Amino acid sequence: MMQGFGHGWGMGFGWIIGIIILLIILWLAFKVFRTNSEKPSSSTNKPLNILRERYAKGEIDKDEFEQRKKDLEN
């Protein structure tokens, strides 16, 4: 007797919620994989990054920075 009026709204727009959930899952997966792929490259330059940070903080002077940089490159 209701001819589909009771369930029409939920069934008509329910697929939108499914698409939104799917997009969120894909976005999270992309973010996780992108973060994991960046980690190895940053770990290879870790000593040089620490040296740059120490120079930027003023813990070492330019001469010491250059000498240690040469030591790391060898």
Protein backbone atom coordinates (compact mmCIF):
# COMPACT_ATOMS: atom_id res chain seq x y z
CA MET A 1 0.00 0.00 0.00
CA MET A 2 2.87 2.40 0.66
CA GLN A 3 4.28 1.60 -2.79
CA GLY A 4 7.94 1.95 -1.79
CA PHE A 5 7.75 5.29 0.03
CA GLY A 6 8.96 3.79 3.30
CA HIS A 7 12.29 2.55 1.96
CA GLY A 8 12.86 4.73 -1.08
CA TRP A 9 14.99 7.41 0.58
CA GLY A 10 17.42 5.01 2.24
CA MET A 11 17.80 2.82 -0.80
CA GLY A 12 18.12 5.73 -3.16
CA PHE A 13 20.93 7.46 -1.31
CA GLY A 14 22.54 4.47 0.41
CA TRP A 15 25.01 3.97 -2.45
CA ILE A 16 26.43 7.45 -1.84
CA ILE A 17 27.48 6.42 1.67
CA GLY A 18 29.16 3.33 0.21
CA ILE A 19 31.10 5.43 -2.30
CA ILE A 20 32.17 7.86 0.44
CA ILE A 21 33.40 4.99 2.62
CA LEU A 22 35.27 3.48 -0.35
CA LEU A 23 36.93 6.82 -1.14
CA ILE A 24 38.02 7.22 2.49
CA ILE A 25 39.54 3.72 2.51
CA LEU A 26 41.39 4.41 -0.76
CA TRP A 27 42.66 7.76 0.55
CA LEU A 28 43.94 6.16 3.77
CA ALA A 29 45.65 3.36 1.84
CA PHE A 30 47.34 5.88 -0.47
CA LYS A 31 48.49 7.93 2.50
CA VAL A 32 49.95 4.87 4.29
CA PHE A 33 51.80 3.59 1.21
CA ARG A 34 53.15 7.05 0.37
CA THR A 35 54.45 7.49 3.92
CA ASN A 36 56.15 4.06 3.85
CA SER A 37 57.85 4.80 0.53
CA GLU A 38 59.33 8.06 1.85
CA LYS A 39 60.93 6.52 4.95
CA PRO A 40 63.85 4.67 3.32
CA SER A 41 65.08 7.71 1.41
CA SER A 42 65.07 9.91 4.50
CA SER A 43 66.89 7.27 6.57
CA THR A 44 69.80 7.10 4.11
CA ASN A 45 70.57 10.80 4.67
CA LYS A 46 69.91 10.76 8.39
CA PRO A 47 73.48 11.61 9.53
CA LEU A 48 73.67 14.49 7.07
CA ASN A 49 70.24 15.75 8.16
CA ILE A 50 71.36 15.68 11.81
CA LEU A 51 74.51 17.57 10.87
CA ARG A 52 72.46 20.21 9.05
CA GLU A 53 70.15 20.56 12.03
CA ARG A 54 73.09 21.06 14.39
CA TYR A 55 74.56 23.71 12.06
CA ALA A 56 71.18 25.45 11.81
CA LYS A 57 70.85 25.49 15.60
CA GLY A 58 74.31 27.00 15.95
CA GLU A 59 75.77 24.02 17.80
CA ILE A 60 78.65 23.81 15.30
CA ASP A 61 80.33 26.45 13.14
CA LYS A 62 80.76 26.46 9.38
CA ASP A 63 84.28 24.98 9.41
CA GLU A 64 83.22 22.08 11.60
CA PHE A 65 80.12 21.55 9.45
CA GLU A 66 82.18 21.40 6.25
CA GLN A 67 84.73 19.03 7.77
CA ARG A 68 82.11 16.63 9.11
CA LYS A 69 80.21 16.78 5.83
CA LYS A 70 83.38 15.72 3.98
CA ASP A 71 83.85 12.90 6.49
CA LEU A 72 80.32 11.66 5.88
CA GLU A 73 80.71 11.75 2.11
CA ASN A 74 83.81 9.53 2.22
